[in-house]
Amino acid sequence: MYRDTKSPWIKWDPSIFLANTRGMNFTEMGIYTFFDNHYFIKNCIPLTDEQMKYLMVSGNSNFARLERFREKFSIFFKEGCFSDPSMDQALAHAKKRKSDSDHANNTKSENEKAKKASVDVNNSDRPVTHKDKEKELDKDTELDSDKELEQEKELDSIERDKRMSNKYPHIFKKK
């Protein structure tokens, strides 16, 4: 089941990546990958010229490389902004998976709540576990043994009274 995380899983097709990076050297591949990741993180909103320059500076690169990349691979730039259709498809797929997963999680939690509510209302439907059965038996035996002890104490006290009154008649006077 899909879990929403800070860094989402995307459906990445290696053949699309290879097709997109065909003819690129390692530096250009790095720029493409760097821009592509930021493009996806920003929900596939095209990267402006200002954002691309900021990313180039933060990646310890220079603007000359950006300009060469822009000239050589103009297919990724529309109106001066970087965009990648393959990432648009990946984001759409991730959103669909998340909505399907959320729907399944909600259905599961509703079923669990309904099941718990039915068990709370009618305890006879609750399955009896071994521990529950032991507790019930302990309670029953405690009650029986308590009654027996009380009866024994009563008998003992009556017998003791008789013995005491026979041994010490002057203390225990019969009324």
Protein backbone atom coordinates (compact mmCIF):
# COMPACT_ATOMS: atom_id res chain seq x y z
CA MET A 1 0.00 0.00 0.00
CA TYR A 2 1.27 3.47 -0.83
CA ARG A 3 2.38 5.67 2.05
CA ASP A 4 2.73 9.42 1.61
CA THR A 5 6.26 10.55 2.44
CA LYS A 6 8.32 13.71 2.28
CA SER A 7 10.19 12.42 -0.77
CA PRO A 8 7.60 10.69 -2.94
CA TRP A 9 8.17 7.63 -5.02
CA ILE A 10 7.81 8.27 -8.73
CA LYS A 11 7.36 5.90 -11.61
CA TRP A 12 10.68 6.35 -13.36
CA ASP A 13 11.16 4.69 -16.71
CA PRO A 14 14.83 4.21 -17.60
CA SER A 15 14.08 4.14 -21.33
CA ILE A 16 12.56 7.64 -21.11
CA PHE A 17 15.59 8.90 -19.16
CA LEU A 18 17.96 7.38 -21.73
CA ALA A 19 15.98 8.90 -24.60
CA ASN A 20 15.96 12.32 -22.90
CA THR A 21 19.68 12.25 -22.16
CA ARG A 22 20.83 10.86 -25.52
CA GLY A 23 23.68 12.96 -26.82
CA MET A 24 24.41 14.62 -23.44
CA ASN A 25 27.79 14.54 -21.78
CA PHE A 26 28.03 13.97 -18.01
CA THR A 27 27.87 17.66 -17.17
CA GLU A 28 24.73 18.13 -19.26
CA MET A 29 23.21 14.98 -17.78
CA GLY A 30 23.84 16.41 -14.31
CA ILE A 31 22.19 19.71 -15.22
CA TYR A 32 19.21 17.87 -16.74
CA THR A 33 18.81 15.59 -13.69
CA PHE A 34 19.20 18.53 -11.28
CA PHE A 35 16.57 20.60 -13.10
CA ASP A 36 14.27 17.61 -13.55
CA ASN A 37 14.29 16.82 -9.82
CA HIS A 38 13.53 20.42 -8.86
CA TYR A 39 10.84 20.55 -11.54
CA PHE A 40 9.15 17.49 -10.00
CA ILE A 41 9.52 18.76 -6.42
CA LYS A 42 7.78 22.01 -7.42
CA ASN A 43 4.75 19.99 -8.68
CA CYS A 44 5.85 20.23 -12.32
CA ILE A 45 5.63 24.01 -12.47
CA PRO A 46 8.16 25.17 -15.11
CA LEU A 47 11.42 26.54 -13.71
CA THR A 48 11.97 30.18 -14.56
CA ASP A 49 15.27 31.64 -15.73
CA GLU A 50 15.86 33.11 -12.28
CA GLN A 51 15.26 29.74 -10.56
CA MET A 52 17.58 27.95 -13.00
CA LYS A 53 20.36 30.50 -12.36
CA TYR A 54 19.92 30.06 -8.61
CA LEU A 55 20.14 26.26 -9.02
CA MET A 56 23.26 26.59 -11.15
CA VAL A 57 24.95 28.75 -8.50
CA SER A 58 23.89 26.40 -5.69
CA GLY A 59 25.25 23.47 -7.73
CA ASN A 60 28.67 25.18 -8.04
CA SER A 61 28.25 25.66 -11.75
CA ASN A 62 28.30 28.73 -13.99
CA PHE A 63 25.82 30.45 -16.26
CA ALA A 64 27.84 29.63 -19.41
CA ARG A 65 27.00 25.93 -18.91
CA LEU A 66 23.33 26.82 -18.50
CA GLU A 67 23.35 28.80 -21.74
CA ARG A 68 25.09 26.00 -23.65
CA PHE A 69 22.58 23.49 -22.22
CA ARG A 70 19.67 25.75 -23.20
CA GLU A 71 20.96 26.13 -26.78
CA LYS A 72 21.79 22.45 -27.27
CA PHE A 73 18.61 21.00 -25.72
CA SER A 74 15.96 23.56 -26.50
CA ILE A 75 13.32 20.80 -26.47
CA PHE A 76 13.15 21.10 -22.65
CA PHE A 77 12.58 24.86 -22.70
CA LYS A 78 9.25 26.51 -23.45
CA GLU A 79 9.17 30.30 -23.37
CA GLY A 80 12.51 30.27 -21.54
CA CYS A 81 11.28 27.97 -18.75
CA PHE A 82 12.44 24.40 -18.12
CA SER A 83 9.76 21.68 -18.29
CA ASP A 84 9.76 17.93 -18.88
CA PRO A 85 6.66 16.06 -20.13
CA SER A 86 7.91 12.74 -18.73
CA MET A 87 7.89 14.25 -15.22
CA ASP A 88 4.34 15.52 -15.82
CA GLN A 89 3.28 11.93 -16.47
CA ALA A 90 5.18 10.69 -13.40
CA LEU A 91 3.48 13.29 -11.18
CA ALA A 92 0.04 12.39 -12.55
CA HIS A 93 0.76 8.72 -11.82
CA ALA A 94 1.95 9.50 -8.27
CA LYS A 95 -1.17 11.60 -7.56
CA LYS A 96 -3.43 8.80 -8.83
CA ARG A 97 -1.64 6.25 -6.65
CA LYS A 98 -1.96 8.55 -3.62
CA SER A 99 -5.69 9.11 -4.16
CA ASP A 100 -6.25 5.36 -4.63
CA SER A 101 -4.26 4.65 -1.48
CA ASP A 102 -6.08 7.31 0.55
CA HIS A 103 -9.42 5.87 -0.58
CA ALA A 104 -8.32 2.35 0.42
CA ASN A 105 -6.99 3.56 3.80
CA ASN A 106 -10.23 5.43 4.53
CA THR A 107 -12.33 2.40 3.61
CA LYS A 108 -10.19 0.18 5.82
CA SER A 109 -10.42 2.53 8.82
CA GLU A 110 -14.21 2.86 8.38
CA ASN A 111 -14.55 -0.94 8.30
CA GLU A 112 -12.44 -1.26 11.46
CA LYS A 113 -14.53 1.40 13.24
CA ALA A 114 -17.77 -0.32 12.22
CA LYS A 115 -16.44 -3.66 13.41
CA LYS A 116 -15.32 -2.19 16.73
CA ALA A 117 -18.67 -0.44 17.20
CA SER A 118 -20.57 -3.68 16.61
CA VAL A 119 -18.38 -5.53 19.10
CA ASP A 120 -18.82 -2.79 21.71
CA VAL A 121 -22.60 -2.86 21.33
CA ASN A 122 -22.95 -6.62 21.48
CA ASN A 123 -20.31 -8.24 23.66
CA SER A 124 -21.65 -11.70 22.96
CA ASP A 125 -20.10 -11.45 19.49
CA ARG A 126 -16.70 -10.92 21.06
CA PRO A 127 -14.48 -13.94 20.73
CA VAL A 128 -13.50 -15.39 24.10
CA THR A 129 -9.76 -15.69 24.57
CA HIS A 130 -7.93 -18.06 26.85
CA LYS A 131 -7.01 -15.23 29.24
CA ASP A 132 -10.62 -14.02 29.42
CA LYS A 133 -11.78 -17.54 30.24
CA GLU A 134 -9.14 -17.84 32.99
CA LYS A 135 -10.23 -14.53 34.52
CA GLU A 136 -13.85 -15.65 34.58
CA LEU A 137 -12.89 -18.98 36.18
CA ASP A 138 -10.73 -17.19 38.78
CA LYS A 139 -13.63 -14.91 39.69
CA ASP A 140 -15.98 -17.88 40.07
CA THR A 141 -13.53 -19.84 42.21
CA GLU A 142 -12.77 -16.78 44.33
CA LEU A 143 -16.45 -16.32 45.06
CA ASP A 144 -16.96 -19.99 45.92
CA SER A 145 -13.87 -20.15 48.09
CA ASP A 146 -14.86 -16.93 49.91
CA LYS A 147 -18.25 -18.43 50.74
CA GLU A 148 -16.63 -21.64 51.99
CA LEU A 149 -14.20 -19.67 54.18
CA GLU A 150 -17.01 -17.66 55.70
CA GLN A 151 -18.95 -20.83 56.47
CA GLU A 152 -15.87 -22.46 58.01
CA LYS A 153 -15.24 -19.37 60.13
CA GLU A 154 -18.81 -19.42 61.36
CA LEU A 155 -18.57 -23.11 62.27
CA ASP A 156 -15.22 -22.58 63.95
CA SER A 157 -16.49 -19.66 65.98
CA ILE A 158 -19.53 -21.63 67.19
CA GLU A 159 -17.40 -24.61 68.18
CA ARG A 160 -14.88 -22.36 69.86
CA ASP A 161 -17.64 -20.69 71.84
CA LYS A 162 -18.88 -24.08 73.02
CA ARG A 163 -15.41 -25.18 74.08
CA MET A 164 -14.72 -21.94 75.89
CA SER A 165 -18.00 -21.99 77.68
CA ASN A 166 -17.37 -25.59 78.83
CA LYS A 167 -13.83 -24.86 80.05
CA TYR A 168 -14.65 -21.51 81.61
CA PRO A 169 -18.28 -21.59 82.66
CA HIS A 170 -17.85 -18.74 85.12
CA ILE A 171 -16.72 -16.39 82.28
CA PHE A 172 -19.27 -17.48 79.67
CA LYS A 173 -22.59 -17.46 81.37
CA LYS A 174 -25.54 -18.85 79.56
CA LYS A 175 -28.37 -16.50 79.25
